[in-house]
Amino acid sequence: MAYQKLQASRALAVVTSDTIDIPNPASKGFSSTTTSAAAGKLIDSAGDFINRGVRIGDIIYSSGGAVSIVTAIDSATQLSVDNAIGPGRTYDLYATPDNPNNGCVLYIGDVSGGATMTIITAGGDEVLFSGLLAGSFIPVQTTRVKATGTLATGIVALW
């Protein structure tokens, strides 16, 4: 049974996605910077992706508020991803298959663009919240904040 978390010990800024869950911050593998670009790729000459144990399904948060998922390990320096990541972008890779997000609560930072948010609960339900207030918490075990239907910004996931 889910319970309301009143004291968080971990936090992560949420990048909304219709298809990719919020990664568990405890699963952060490493951070680096891309060195060049190609369609559907993440290229990092210092990546060492094979030795670092990168796997299909790992989640990548990159600077500029983008999220991608690893779809193939092409080489030690190149990954296939569902959303290309351009050159000179910093990124964090999360080893999600080992440590998935089993549910977090959300903090809403800003609603100036609109006061709605669509989430996927830990139980798999899709819920649209409306009438959100800036500075409020959503005490629902959440695995994903969808881009579609979400106008609130500055969302922080808390564990």
Foldseek 3Di string as FASTA:
>chain_A
DDDFDDDFDDKDFAQAAAPAWDFDVVQWQDKDFAAAWDFQKGFRPPQQCVVSVDDFQKWKQKPPRDIWTFHADPDRGMTGIPGIDGGGIMMIIGPCVVPPQLFFKKAFAFAPQAAWWWFQASVGDIDIDHPHDHGDIGRTGTTHIHPPGDRTHRMMTGD
